[in-house]
Protein backbone atom coordinates (compact mmCIF):
# COMPACT_ATOMS: atom_id res chain seq x y z
CA MET A 1 -8.69 44.02 45.20
CA LYS A 2 -12.21 42.79 45.83
CA LYS A 3 -13.41 39.57 44.35
CA ILE A 4 -15.70 39.47 41.35
CA LEU A 5 -18.16 36.69 40.72
CA SER A 6 -17.52 34.21 43.51
CA HIS A 7 -16.60 31.15 41.43
CA LEU A 8 -13.67 32.80 39.73
CA ALA A 9 -10.76 34.68 41.18
CA PRO A 10 -9.66 38.25 41.78
CA ALA A 11 -11.47 41.15 40.27
CA PHE A 12 -9.98 43.07 37.44
CA LEU A 13 -9.59 46.75 36.74
CA LEU A 14 -11.07 48.07 33.53
CA VAL A 15 -9.26 51.09 32.15
CA GLY A 16 -10.65 53.15 29.31
CA PHE A 17 -9.68 56.64 28.29
CA CYS A 18 -10.94 58.03 31.57
CA VAL A 19 -12.81 55.22 33.31
CA ALA A 20 -11.60 52.75 35.91
CA PHE A 21 -13.77 50.45 37.96
CA ALA A 22 -14.22 46.90 39.15
CA LEU A 23 -17.40 44.91 39.51
CA PRO A 24 -18.50 44.50 43.13
CA ALA A 25 -17.66 41.40 45.12
CA ALA A 26 -21.29 40.38 45.28
CA ALA A 27 -24.65 41.73 44.33
CA GLN A 28 -25.62 44.77 46.35
CA PRO A 29 -29.23 45.39 47.45
CA ASN A 30 -29.94 46.76 43.96
CA GLY A 31 -27.85 44.21 42.07
CA TYR A 32 -24.57 44.24 40.23
CA LYS A 33 -23.58 47.73 39.15
CA TYR A 34 -22.46 48.79 35.73
CA GLN A 35 -20.80 51.70 34.03
CA LEU A 36 -20.82 52.36 30.30
CA VAL A 37 -17.50 52.68 28.48
CA LYS A 38 -18.19 53.76 24.92
CA GLN A 39 -14.63 54.01 23.58
CA ALA A 40 -11.24 52.88 24.74
CA GLU A 41 -7.80 51.82 23.58
CA TYR A 42 -6.27 48.60 24.84
CA SER A 43 -2.94 46.96 24.20
CA LYS A 44 -3.79 43.28 24.47
CA ALA A 45 -7.42 42.24 24.23
CA ALA A 46 -10.90 43.71 24.06
CA VAL A 47 -14.63 43.00 24.01
CA SER A 48 -17.46 45.19 22.78
CA SER A 49 -21.06 44.13 23.35
CA ALA A 50 -24.56 45.45 24.00
CA HIS A 51 -24.18 45.59 27.80
CA PRO A 52 -21.28 46.54 30.10
CA LEU A 53 -21.68 43.56 32.44
CA ALA A 54 -21.58 41.16 29.49
CA SER A 55 -18.43 42.81 28.14
CA GLU A 56 -16.89 42.53 31.60
CA ALA A 57 -17.68 38.81 31.74
CA GLY A 58 -15.94 38.26 28.41
CA MET A 59 -12.90 40.29 29.36
CA TYR A 60 -12.65 38.53 32.72
CA VAL A 61 -12.34 35.05 31.22
CA MET A 62 -9.59 36.24 28.86
CA GLN A 63 -7.68 37.62 31.82
CA HIS A 64 -7.96 34.24 33.49
CA GLY A 65 -6.72 31.93 30.79
CA GLY A 66 -9.36 32.16 28.09
CA ASN A 67 -9.03 33.24 24.48
CA ALA A 68 -11.36 35.31 22.28
CA VAL A 69 -13.70 32.36 21.74
CA ASP A 70 -13.99 31.82 25.51
CA ALA A 71 -14.81 35.52 25.81
CA ALA A 72 -17.43 35.30 23.08
CA ILE A 73 -19.12 32.36 24.80
CA ALA A 74 -19.10 33.98 28.26
CA THR A 75 -20.37 37.25 26.83
CA GLN A 76 -23.27 35.50 25.09
CA TRP A 77 -24.33 33.66 28.24
CA ALA A 78 -24.20 36.95 30.17
CA LEU A 79 -26.19 38.81 27.49
CA ALA A 80 -28.93 36.20 27.88
CA VAL A 81 -29.33 37.53 31.43
CA VAL A 82 -28.60 41.26 31.29
CA TYR A 83 -29.96 42.03 27.81
CA PRO A 84 -33.23 40.07 27.59
CA THR A 85 -34.55 42.06 24.63
CA ALA A 86 -32.05 40.32 22.33
CA GLY A 87 -29.45 38.40 24.32
CA ASN A 88 -30.76 34.89 24.49
CA ILE A 89 -30.70 31.17 24.97
CA GLY A 90 -34.09 30.92 23.26
CA GLY A 91 -32.88 32.28 19.92
CA GLY A 92 -29.97 31.68 17.58
CA GLY A 93 -27.02 33.26 15.84
CA PHE A 94 -23.84 33.07 13.83
CA LEU A 95 -20.14 33.13 14.73
CA VAL A 96 -17.38 34.17 12.33
CA ALA A 97 -13.76 34.02 13.44
CA ARG A 98 -10.18 34.21 12.31
CA LEU A 99 -8.11 32.00 14.58
CA SER A 100 -4.49 32.62 15.45
CA SER A 101 -3.65 29.46 13.48
CA GLY A 102 -4.80 31.25 10.31
CA LYS A 103 -8.01 29.21 10.05
CA ASN A 104 -11.28 30.95 9.19
CA ILE A 105 -14.42 29.48 10.74
CA SER A 106 -18.15 30.15 10.72
CA ILE A 107 -20.66 28.42 12.96
CA ASP A 108 -24.36 28.46 12.12
CA TYR A 109 -26.71 28.14 15.08
CA ARG A 110 -29.70 29.71 13.42
CA GLU A 111 -33.09 28.52 14.65
CA MET A 112 -34.91 25.80 12.69
CA ALA A 113 -38.55 25.31 11.76
CA PRO A 114 -40.22 22.68 13.99
CA GLY A 115 -40.99 19.29 12.51
CA LYS A 116 -44.72 20.10 12.34
CA ALA A 117 -44.16 23.35 10.41
CA THR A 118 -45.76 23.66 6.99
CA GLU A 119 -45.28 26.05 4.10
CA ASN A 120 -48.72 27.64 4.56
CA MET A 121 -49.00 27.44 8.35
CA TYR A 122 -49.66 31.18 8.66
CA VAL A 123 -52.07 31.42 5.70
CA ASP A 124 -55.76 31.65 6.56
CA PRO A 125 -57.44 28.92 4.46
CA LYS A 126 -60.65 30.98 4.24
CA THR A 127 -59.13 34.23 2.98
CA GLY A 128 -55.90 32.91 1.45
CA LYS A 129 -54.01 35.71 3.21
CA ALA A 130 -51.08 35.41 5.60
CA ASN A 131 -51.72 36.18 9.27
CA THR A 132 -48.39 37.74 10.23
CA ARG A 133 -49.52 38.25 13.81
CA LEU A 134 -49.14 34.51 14.31
CA SER A 135 -45.62 34.54 12.82
CA GLN A 136 -44.54 37.52 14.92
CA SER A 137 -45.90 36.95 18.43
CA GLY A 138 -47.03 34.06 20.56
CA HIS A 139 -46.06 30.42 20.72
CA LEU A 140 -46.48 29.56 17.04
CA ALA A 141 -43.90 32.21 16.05
CA SER A 142 -40.94 30.33 17.56
CA GLY A 143 -38.35 28.26 15.79
CA VAL A 144 -36.24 25.66 17.59
CA PRO A 145 -33.58 27.58 19.58
CA GLY A 146 -29.98 27.24 18.45
CA THR A 147 -27.91 29.42 20.78
CA PRO A 148 -26.98 26.81 23.42
CA ALA A 149 -25.90 24.32 20.73
CA GLY A 150 -23.90 27.05 19.02
CA LEU A 151 -22.01 27.89 22.21
CA PHE A 152 -21.13 24.24 22.73
CA ALA A 153 -20.06 23.98 19.08
CA SER A 154 -17.80 27.01 19.66
CA LEU A 155 -16.23 25.39 22.72
CA LYS A 156 -13.84 23.25 20.61
CA TYR A 157 -11.97 26.47 19.76
CA ALA A 158 -11.92 27.73 23.36
CA LYS A 159 -9.58 26.95 26.25
CA LEU A 160 -11.74 26.89 29.37
CA PRO A 161 -14.52 24.48 30.40
CA MET A 162 -18.10 25.58 29.88
CA LYS A 163 -18.71 25.48 33.64
CA LYS A 164 -16.45 28.49 34.06
CA LEU A 165 -17.77 30.34 31.03
CA ILE A 166 -21.44 30.10 32.05
CA GLN A 167 -21.01 30.86 35.76
CA PRO A 168 -20.89 34.67 35.47
CA ALA A 169 -24.30 34.53 33.78
CA ILE A 170 -25.64 32.31 36.56
CA ASP A 171 -24.45 34.76 39.21
CA LEU A 172 -25.99 37.71 37.39
CA ALA A 173 -29.32 35.89 37.07
CA GLU A 174 -29.34 34.62 40.64
CA LYS A 175 -28.11 37.72 42.44
CA GLY A 176 -29.58 40.31 40.14
CA PHE A 177 -28.31 43.45 38.47
CA ALA A 178 -29.38 47.06 38.15
CA ILE A 179 -31.21 47.60 34.86
CA THR A 180 -30.46 50.51 32.56
CA GLU A 181 -32.92 53.26 31.69
CA ARG A 182 -33.34 51.86 28.18
CA GLU A 183 -34.15 48.41 29.55
CA ALA A 184 -36.67 49.89 31.98
CA ASN A 185 -38.42 51.74 29.15
CA ARG A 186 -38.47 48.62 26.95
CA LEU A 187 -39.94 46.50 29.75
CA ASN A 188 -42.61 49.09 30.49
CA ASN A 189 -43.65 49.06 26.83
CA LEU A 190 -43.77 45.25 26.90
CA GLN A 191 -46.26 44.72 29.72
CA GLN A 192 -49.47 44.38 27.68
CA GLN A 193 -47.87 41.94 25.28
CA LEU A 194 -46.56 39.85 28.18
CA GLU A 195 -50.10 39.63 29.53
CA ARG A 196 -51.54 38.74 26.14
CA VAL A 197 -49.28 35.85 25.09
CA ASN A 198 -47.94 34.25 28.28
CA THR A 199 -49.57 31.32 30.03
CA SER A 200 -47.95 32.39 33.32
CA LEU A 201 -46.64 35.88 34.03
CA PRO A 202 -42.83 36.06 34.13
CA VAL A 203 -40.50 38.15 36.32
CA PHE A 204 -40.41 40.80 33.59
CA TYR A 205 -44.05 41.61 34.29
CA ARG A 206 -45.14 43.84 37.16
CA GLU A 207 -47.85 46.42 37.81
CA LYS A 208 -45.43 49.04 39.10
CA LYS A 209 -43.39 50.73 36.36
CA TRP A 210 -39.78 49.65 35.95
CA GLN A 211 -37.20 52.33 36.74
CA ALA A 212 -33.51 52.64 35.90
CA GLY A 213 -31.55 51.05 38.72
CA ASP A 214 -34.27 48.56 39.65
CA THR A 215 -32.94 45.08 40.35
CA LEU A 216 -33.85 42.29 37.95
CA ILE A 217 -33.43 38.87 39.56
CA GLN A 218 -34.22 35.82 37.40
CA PRO A 219 -34.28 32.63 39.53
CA ASP A 220 -35.89 30.44 36.87
CA LEU A 221 -33.27 31.47 34.30
CA ALA A 222 -30.51 30.87 36.87
CA ASN A 223 -31.78 27.32 37.35
CA THR A 224 -31.94 26.75 33.59
CA LEU A 225 -28.34 27.91 33.25
CA LYS A 226 -27.31 25.65 36.13
CA ARG A 227 -28.80 22.64 34.34
CA ILE A 228 -26.71 23.54 31.28
CA ARG A 229 -23.63 23.97 33.49
CA ASP A 230 -24.13 20.61 35.15
CA LYS A 231 -25.38 18.51 32.22
CA GLY A 232 -23.91 20.23 29.18
CA GLN A 233 -25.90 20.66 25.99
CA PRO A 234 -28.48 18.01 27.03
CA GLY A 235 -29.19 20.25 30.02
CA PHE A 236 -31.09 22.47 27.58
CA TYR A 237 -32.24 20.21 24.75
CA GLU A 238 -33.28 17.27 26.91
CA GLY A 239 -34.55 16.61 30.43
CA GLU A 240 -36.26 19.21 32.59
CA THR A 241 -35.65 22.27 30.39
CA ALA A 242 -36.92 20.46 27.28
CA ASP A 243 -39.99 19.38 29.27
CA LEU A 244 -40.64 22.99 30.29
CA ILE A 245 -40.34 24.20 26.69
CA VAL A 246 -42.68 21.51 25.34
CA ASN A 247 -45.17 22.07 28.16
CA GLU A 248 -45.16 25.77 27.31
CA MET A 249 -45.80 24.94 23.67
CA GLU A 250 -48.73 22.72 24.58
CA ARG A 251 -50.30 25.38 26.82
CA GLY A 252 -49.96 28.10 24.20
CA GLY A 253 -50.59 26.29 20.92
CA GLY A 254 -46.98 26.07 19.76
CA ILE A 255 -45.49 23.13 17.85
CA ILE A 256 -41.89 22.66 19.09
CA SER A 257 -41.51 19.03 20.22
CA LYS A 258 -39.00 17.09 22.30
CA ALA A 259 -37.71 15.51 19.10
CA ASP A 260 -37.17 18.96 17.56
CA LEU A 261 -35.08 19.97 20.56
CA LYS A 262 -33.08 16.76 20.85
CA ASN A 263 -32.27 16.70 17.14
CA TYR A 264 -31.10 20.30 16.85
CA LYS A 265 -27.47 20.68 15.74
CA ALA A 266 -25.24 23.65 15.10
CA VAL A 267 -23.40 23.49 11.76
CA GLU A 268 -19.94 24.65 10.74
CA ARG A 269 -19.99 26.23 7.29
CA THR A 270 -17.40 27.63 4.90
CA PRO A 271 -17.18 31.38 5.42
CA VAL A 272 -17.59 33.92 2.65
CA VAL A 273 -14.06 35.20 1.95
CA PHE A 274 -13.05 37.82 -0.64
CA MET A 275 -10.74 40.78 -1.18
CA TYR A 276 -11.72 44.45 -1.21
CA LYS A 277 -9.08 47.05 -2.01
CA GLY A 278 -6.32 44.96 -0.44
CA TYR A 279 -8.33 43.91 2.63
CA GLU A 280 -9.57 40.36 3.17
CA ILE A 281 -13.22 40.20 4.23
CA ILE A 282 -14.46 37.14 6.15
CA SER A 283 -18.23 36.93 6.68
CA MET A 284 -21.17 34.60 7.16
CA PRO A 285 -22.55 32.40 4.34
CA PRO A 286 -26.21 31.32 3.91
CA PRO A 287 -28.53 30.93 5.68
CA SER A 288 -27.22 34.42 6.36
CA SER A 289 -27.74 36.76 3.43
CA GLY A 290 -25.16 39.11 4.93
CA GLY A 291 -21.89 37.70 3.64
CA ILE A 292 -23.10 37.29 0.06
CA LEU A 293 -24.66 40.77 -0.06
CA ILE A 294 -21.55 42.39 1.47
CA HIS A 295 -19.49 40.59 -1.18
CA GLN A 296 -21.81 41.76 -3.97
CA MET A 297 -22.00 45.36 -2.81
CA LEU A 298 -18.32 45.89 -2.10
CA LYS A 299 -17.38 44.39 -5.47
CA MET A 300 -19.89 46.63 -7.25
CA LEU A 301 -18.22 49.58 -5.50
CA GLU A 302 -14.58 48.48 -5.70
CA ASN A 303 -13.64 50.09 -9.03
CA ARG A 304 -15.33 53.40 -8.25
CA PRO A 305 -13.43 56.24 -6.51
CA LEU A 306 -15.61 56.54 -3.42
CA ALA A 307 -13.00 58.51 -1.50
CA SER A 308 -12.95 61.22 -4.17
CA TYR A 309 -16.75 61.45 -4.06
CA GLY A 310 -16.54 62.35 -0.35
CA PHE A 311 -18.26 60.96 2.72
CA GLN A 312 -22.06 61.20 2.58
CA THR A 313 -22.18 63.51 -0.38
CA ALA A 314 -25.15 63.13 -2.70
CA LYS A 315 -22.85 61.44 -5.24
CA SER A 316 -21.49 58.79 -2.86
CA VAL A 317 -24.80 58.11 -1.10
CA GLN A 318 -26.62 57.78 -4.43
CA LEU A 319 -24.11 55.24 -5.69
CA ILE A 320 -24.18 53.16 -2.51
CA THR A 321 -27.99 53.29 -2.47
CA GLU A 322 -28.21 51.88 -6.00
CA VAL A 323 -25.76 49.12 -5.12
CA GLU A 324 -27.87 48.25 -2.06
CA ARG A 325 -31.06 48.24 -4.15
CA ARG A 326 -29.69 45.67 -6.59
CA ALA A 327 -28.23 43.38 -3.93
CA TYR A 328 -31.47 43.29 -1.94
CA ALA A 329 -33.44 42.42 -5.08
CA ASP A 330 -31.20 39.36 -5.40
CA ARG A 331 -31.71 38.56 -1.71
CA ALA A 332 -35.46 38.28 -2.19
CA GLU A 333 -35.13 35.80 -5.03
CA HIS A 334 -32.01 33.72 -4.55
CA LEU A 335 -31.12 33.32 -0.86
CA GLY A 336 -32.27 30.72 1.66
CA ASP A 337 -31.05 27.74 3.68
CA PRO A 338 -28.41 25.98 1.51
CA ASP A 339 -29.38 22.63 3.03
CA TYR A 340 -32.82 22.98 1.41
CA TYR A 341 -32.28 25.25 -1.58
CA LYS A 342 -29.41 25.45 -4.05
CA VAL A 343 -28.14 29.00 -3.48
CA PRO A 344 -26.22 30.24 -6.57
CA MET A 345 -23.39 31.64 -4.45
CA LYS A 346 -20.72 31.71 -7.17
CA GLY A 347 -23.05 33.22 -9.72
CA LEU A 348 -24.21 36.00 -7.42
CA VAL A 349 -20.65 37.30 -6.96
CA ALA A 350 -19.23 36.57 -10.43
CA PRO A 351 -17.53 39.71 -11.82
CA ALA A 352 -19.45 39.59 -15.10
CA TYR A 353 -22.75 39.26 -13.26
CA LEU A 354 -22.00 42.20 -10.95
CA GLN A 355 -20.95 44.33 -13.88
CA GLN A 356 -24.23 43.53 -15.58
CA ARG A 357 -26.17 44.43 -12.42
CA MET A 358 -24.78 47.98 -12.58
CA ALA A 359 -25.13 48.38 -16.37
CA ASP A 360 -28.27 50.51 -16.02
CA TYR A 361 -26.93 52.67 -13.17
CA ASP A 362 -27.49 56.41 -13.77
CA SER A 363 -25.60 58.77 -11.46
CA THR A 364 -28.08 61.58 -12.05
CA LYS A 365 -31.36 60.01 -10.99
CA ALA A 366 -33.01 57.33 -8.88
CA SER A 367 -33.69 53.91 -10.24
CA VAL A 368 -37.18 52.51 -9.72
CA SER A 369 -37.34 49.26 -7.75
CA THR A 370 -40.15 47.86 -9.87
CA ASN A 371 -37.76 48.10 -12.82
CA ILE A 372 -34.89 46.45 -10.90
CA THR A 373 -35.68 42.76 -10.90
CA PRO A 374 -33.60 40.01 -9.31
CA GLY A 375 -30.80 38.91 -11.60
CA VAL A 376 -31.24 35.74 -13.63
CA ILE A 377 -28.83 33.00 -12.53
CA LYS A 378 -29.32 29.51 -13.78
CA GLU A 379 -33.95 40.63 10.44
CA SER A 380 -37.64 45.25 15.47
CA MET A 381 -34.30 45.44 15.07
CA GLU A 382 -33.51 43.67 18.37
CA THR A 383 -30.61 41.48 17.46
CA THR A 384 -27.31 41.89 19.32
CA HIS A 385 -23.67 41.70 18.34
CA LEU A 386 -20.33 41.27 20.08
CA SER A 387 -16.78 41.68 18.84
CA VAL A 388 -13.67 40.21 20.49
CA MET A 389 -9.91 40.23 19.90
CA ASP A 390 -7.34 38.59 22.14
CA THR A 391 -3.63 38.81 22.74
CA ASP A 392 -2.94 35.65 20.69
CA GLY A 393 -4.36 37.05 17.46
CA ASN A 394 -7.81 35.45 17.53
CA ALA A 395 -10.65 37.65 16.23
CA VAL A 396 -14.28 36.68 16.82
CA SER A 397 -17.47 38.27 15.53
CA VAL A 398 -20.84 36.99 16.79
CA THR A 399 -24.39 38.13 16.06
CA THR A 400 -27.35 36.52 17.82
CA THR A 401 -31.04 37.32 17.90
CA LEU A 402 -34.56 36.64 19.05
CA ASN A 403 -35.67 38.51 15.88
CA GLY A 404 -38.01 41.19 17.25
CA GLY A 405 -37.47 42.79 20.63
CA TYR A 406 -38.06 40.06 23.26
CA GLY A 407 -38.79 37.67 20.39
CA SER A 408 -42.25 36.09 20.51
CA LYS A 409 -42.80 37.77 23.92
CA VAL A 410 -43.32 34.27 25.34
CA VAL A 411 -41.28 33.35 28.41
CA VAL A 412 -40.98 29.62 29.01
CA GLY A 413 -42.82 28.95 32.27
CA GLY A 414 -40.42 27.72 34.94
CA ALA A 415 -37.38 28.22 32.69
CA GLY A 416 -37.28 32.01 32.62
CA PHE A 417 -36.18 32.84 29.06
CA PHE A 418 -37.83 34.41 26.05
CA LEU A 419 -38.47 32.36 22.93
CA ASN A 420 -37.71 33.78 19.50
CA ASN A 421 -40.18 34.80 16.78
CA GLU A 422 -37.86 33.75 13.95
CA MET A 423 -40.55 31.96 11.96
CA ASP A 424 -41.38 35.43 10.62
CA ASP A 425 -38.00 35.47 8.88
CA PHE A 426 -39.28 32.81 6.50
CA SER A 427 -41.33 33.86 3.52
CA VAL A 428 -44.69 33.20 5.20
CA GLN A 429 -46.30 33.75 1.79
CA PRO A 430 -44.65 34.81 -1.49
CA GLY A 431 -44.69 38.60 -1.80
CA VAL A 432 -45.76 39.22 1.84
CA PRO A 433 -43.17 41.29 3.71
CA ASN A 434 -41.94 40.26 7.14
CA MET A 435 -41.72 42.65 10.10
CA PHE A 436 -38.67 44.31 8.52
CA GLY A 437 -40.36 44.77 5.15
CA ALA A 438 -38.25 42.06 3.49
CA ILE A 439 -39.91 40.07 0.74
CA GLY A 440 -39.08 36.46 -0.08
CA GLY A 441 -40.13 33.57 -2.26
CA VAL A 442 -39.55 29.88 -2.79
CA ALA A 443 -35.91 29.95 -1.66
CA ASN A 444 -37.00 30.99 1.83
CA ALA A 445 -40.32 29.12 2.08
CA ILE A 446 -41.13 27.31 5.34
CA ALA A 447 -40.19 23.63 5.59
CA PRO A 448 -39.69 21.30 8.59
CA GLY A 449 -36.12 21.49 9.90
CA LYS A 450 -35.21 24.39 7.61
CA ARG A 451 -33.30 27.45 8.82
CA MET A 452 -34.89 30.79 8.01
CA LEU A 453 -32.95 33.38 6.01
CA SER A 454 -31.10 35.94 8.14
CA SER A 455 -29.52 39.36 7.69
CA MET A 456 -26.99 38.87 10.51
CA THR A 457 -23.53 39.74 9.20
CA PRO A 458 -20.74 39.05 11.72
CA THR A 459 -17.55 40.03 9.92
CA VAL A 460 -13.79 39.99 10.39
CA VAL A 461 -11.48 42.08 8.18
CA LEU A 462 -7.80 41.23 7.69
CA LYS A 463 -4.98 43.54 6.63
CA ASN A 464 -1.67 41.99 5.59
CA ASN A 465 -3.13 38.61 6.61
CA LYS A 466 -3.69 39.71 10.22
CA PRO A 467 -6.89 40.74 12.03
CA PHE A 468 -7.59 44.42 11.38
CA MET A 469 -11.28 44.86 12.19
CA VAL A 470 -14.07 42.95 13.92
CA VAL A 471 -17.50 44.38 13.21
CA GLY A 472 -21.20 43.62 13.32
CA THR A 473 -24.52 45.05 14.44
CA PRO A 474 -28.18 44.33 15.08
CA GLY A 475 -30.84 46.01 12.95
CA GLY A 476 -32.93 43.51 10.96
CA THR A 477 -32.46 44.05 7.24
CA THR A 478 -30.41 47.18 8.01
CA ILE A 479 -27.66 45.01 9.48
CA ILE A 480 -26.06 44.39 6.11
CA THR A 481 -26.01 48.02 5.00
CA SER A 482 -24.72 49.16 8.41
CA VAL A 483 -21.82 46.69 8.24
CA LEU A 484 -21.18 47.71 4.63
CA GLN A 485 -21.00 51.39 5.55
CA SER A 486 -18.85 50.71 8.63
CA ILE A 487 -16.28 48.94 6.43
CA ILE A 488 -16.39 51.66 3.78
CA ASN A 489 -16.02 54.35 6.42
CA VAL A 490 -12.70 52.84 7.51
CA VAL A 491 -11.29 51.52 4.23
CA ASP A 492 -12.43 54.23 1.82
CA TYR A 493 -12.87 57.27 4.08
CA ASN A 494 -10.03 56.51 6.50
CA MET A 495 -12.16 57.06 9.60
CA ASN A 496 -11.29 55.92 13.09
CA ALA A 497 -13.54 53.32 14.72
CA PHE A 498 -15.52 55.86 16.74
CA ASP A 499 -16.60 57.83 13.68
CA ALA A 500 -17.09 54.75 11.51
CA VAL A 501 -19.58 53.39 14.04
CA ASN A 502 -21.36 56.56 15.11
CA LYS A 503 -21.78 58.54 11.89
CA PRO A 504 -25.39 58.44 10.60
CA LYS A 505 -26.41 55.47 8.49
CA PHE A 506 -28.72 55.17 5.49
CA HIS A 507 -30.46 52.14 4.03
CA HIS A 508 -32.22 50.90 0.90
CA GLN A 509 -33.52 47.32 0.62
CA TRP A 510 -35.17 47.31 -2.85
CA GLN A 511 -38.70 47.10 -1.47
CA PRO A 512 -40.16 49.34 -0.15
CA ASP A 513 -38.63 51.79 -2.65
CA GLU A 514 -37.34 54.35 -0.18
CA VAL A 515 -34.10 55.51 1.39
CA ARG A 516 -34.22 55.34 5.16
CA VAL A 517 -31.96 57.76 7.00
CA GLU A 518 -31.18 58.33 10.64
CA LYS A 519 -32.20 61.59 12.28
CA ASP A 520 -28.74 63.18 12.07
CA PHE A 521 -28.25 62.39 8.37
CA PRO A 522 -27.31 65.67 6.62
CA MET A 523 -30.36 67.66 5.47
CA ASP A 524 -28.69 69.14 2.38
CA VAL A 525 -27.89 65.65 1.07
CA ARG A 526 -31.49 64.56 1.68
CA LYS A 527 -32.73 67.44 -0.47
CA GLN A 528 -30.29 66.64 -3.27
CA LEU A 529 -31.38 63.01 -3.26
CA GLU A 530 -35.04 64.01 -3.33
CA ALA A 531 -34.31 66.18 -6.37
CA MET A 532 -32.95 63.04 -8.08
CA GLY A 533 -36.22 61.22 -7.43
CA TYR A 534 -35.54 59.39 -4.15
CA LYS A 535 -38.15 59.07 -1.42
CA ILE A 536 -36.41 59.85 1.89
CA VAL A 537 -37.86 58.45 5.13
CA GLU A 538 -36.38 59.45 8.48
CA ASN A 539 -36.26 56.70 11.11
CA GLY A 540 -34.91 56.47 14.61
CA ALA A 541 -31.51 54.90 15.22
CA TRP A 542 -31.41 51.30 14.01
CA SER A 543 -27.88 49.97 14.41
CA ALA A 544 -25.78 49.25 17.49
CA THR A 545 -22.42 48.47 15.94
CA GLU A 546 -19.58 46.89 17.90
CA MET A 547 -16.18 47.50 16.34
CA ILE A 548 -12.61 46.67 17.23
CA LEU A 549 -10.00 48.26 14.98
CA VAL A 550 -6.24 47.64 15.07
CA LYS A 551 -4.44 50.97 14.88
CA PRO A 552 -1.07 51.47 13.11
CA ASN A 553 0.70 51.34 16.50
CA GLY A 554 -0.85 47.92 17.19
CA LYS A 555 -3.28 49.12 19.87
CA LEU A 556 -6.94 48.18 19.74
CA GLU A 557 -9.48 50.98 19.30
CA VAL A 558 -12.72 49.57 20.69
CA VAL A 559 -16.11 51.21 20.29
CA GLY A 560 -19.61 50.50 21.54
CA ASP A 561 -22.29 52.25 19.53
CA LYS A 562 -23.68 55.53 20.92
CA ARG A 563 -27.18 54.33 20.01
CA GLY A 564 -27.59 51.90 22.91
CA ASP A 565 -26.16 50.66 26.21
CA ASP A 566 -23.22 49.16 24.31
CA SER A 567 -19.99 49.12 26.27
CA VAL A 568 -16.41 47.94 25.90
CA ALA A 569 -13.90 46.20 28.14
CA GLY A 570 -10.29 45.13 27.79
CA TRP A 571 -6.74 45.63 28.95
C-alpha cells in the first residue's frame, strides 16, 4: 500500500458501508484528496469530525499505537488546517472523556480575557451603549487562545508524543489540500471582512473566487505548527509565535500581551455527571453552560412519558420547548466562570428546584418568556466537534471554537491562523444580547483573566457503566438543545445514530421568545404550535452533530452530520 503522511508509516484503508480509499502518498498538484463518509459501522475504533482529512488523521494515529485521546489531539491539530472556519489554534474548547480505567475527566481550555480587559471595554462612554462590532470582529474581539494548552494538557492521557500527533497537520498545511465546496463558498463570503480587519492580507484572501478543489497551502501556519512540534507548548505561548501575536495586536489595536500568553493555563475540572433513565451522562461543567443545562432539562423531562407522546408531535415538542425556555432563563442569570463567580451548581439541579421550575407548565398553551424569570437560588454557529472511541474502551468528546465563523476574521501576520472573537461571549453589557441572541448579567461580566461563558456541550453517555454514546455539535446557543435532542432521540425514541443526528432540530433559548426550527421540521406541528401561541421562526441548518453509538452487537455506528462536510473514519 502507498504511504500516507511521510513521517508516519503505511497508509490505511478506510472501510465504510460502501467506501474504501487511502490518502495519497503525498500532496498532488491540487493537494491532499478527500472523500466524505457520512455513516459507517466499525468493530474497533472510530472518529467523527467536521472534515474527512481530520478524521483520517485521528484514525491513523489509533492504528499506529495511539488511543482515543491521541486521536482527539491529532484530529484537532488537523482541523486547525483543513477547517479554518472553526478548527483552530487561535481559539479554545473543552474535552470530556471516559477513560478505560473508569475515570471521568473534563479539560477546560476556554479562552480568557486579556489582562487589560475591563467590564465596560465595549461600552461607548458618550452614548452608554455597547458597540458589539468591536466585540465581534477585529483585534479587540479576541480572548487569549487556549487550544494549544488544552492539547498539551490532554497529552497526559495519550500514548504517543506530540511530535507524531501534530505532524499530519503540518503536512496538510505545508503541502496543501483540496478545499470543499462549502469551504470555497465560506471563503468567498469572507473576502471583504478579511480586507477590513487585517493588517496584512492572509493566504485566505485572493481576488479570484475560490472554487471547490482549489488547493489551500498555508506555509505560515505550517511554520507555527513546527515551532509547537519542536518546542512544545512554549512554541506557541512564548518566543516567535508569541511575538507575532503581540505584534499583530499592536498593529490592530488589540490588547493581548506576552504575559497573557505565557500565563495561560488549561484547567482540569470535575465533570457534570448524573443519571437519566438508567443512562449515565457525563458532560462539561462551567464555564460551559452545557452540562448544567443538559442536567436540568433531562431531569425536568425524566418523569414524563416522552416516548408515548411520539417523536416531534406537538405534545412532545411543546414540552421540550418549555423545558428549554426555563433552563435558558437560568443560564442568563446564574452561569459564568466558576473561578470568578460562585455558580449555584447544586441548587440549579436540585429535584425540588426543578419541580418548582415546571410548576406553571401548561400543556395547552405557550408560556411567555417575560413571565418566566430566572429561578431564585441563594455560542455564527461556527464551532466544531469531534467524537472518538477506541478499542480499549476510551471515549472522548471534544468541542472547540473560534466563536463566529473564522472568529475575529483576523489572521496573525506571519503565523497564519485566525484569532477568536470570544470576547463577545461575555456579557458586554447587562441585557445586551451577543451574536447568538444570548443575554447575560453579572455572572458573565468581563474581567481580566476570566473565561467567558460557553454553550459547548461535549458529552459521553454510559450504559451499564460502559461507553454507549459520544456526542456533541457546534451551533452557538443551539448546541445545548441539539445535544439534548440527540440524547432523547436515542434514549426515549430508540433511534439509530443516523436518525438521531439528522432529524430536524428545534430550539428555544428564553429570549428572544420564539421557537426556531430547521427547514425540514414538520409543517403540521408548526401550525399546531402556532395555535398554542408560539412564534415559529424557520432558520437554516445550525447543528453539525458527531455521534458514535455502540450497538447491541458491540459494533460502533458512527455518523457525521448531513448538514456539513462532516465525515467518519475507523476500522
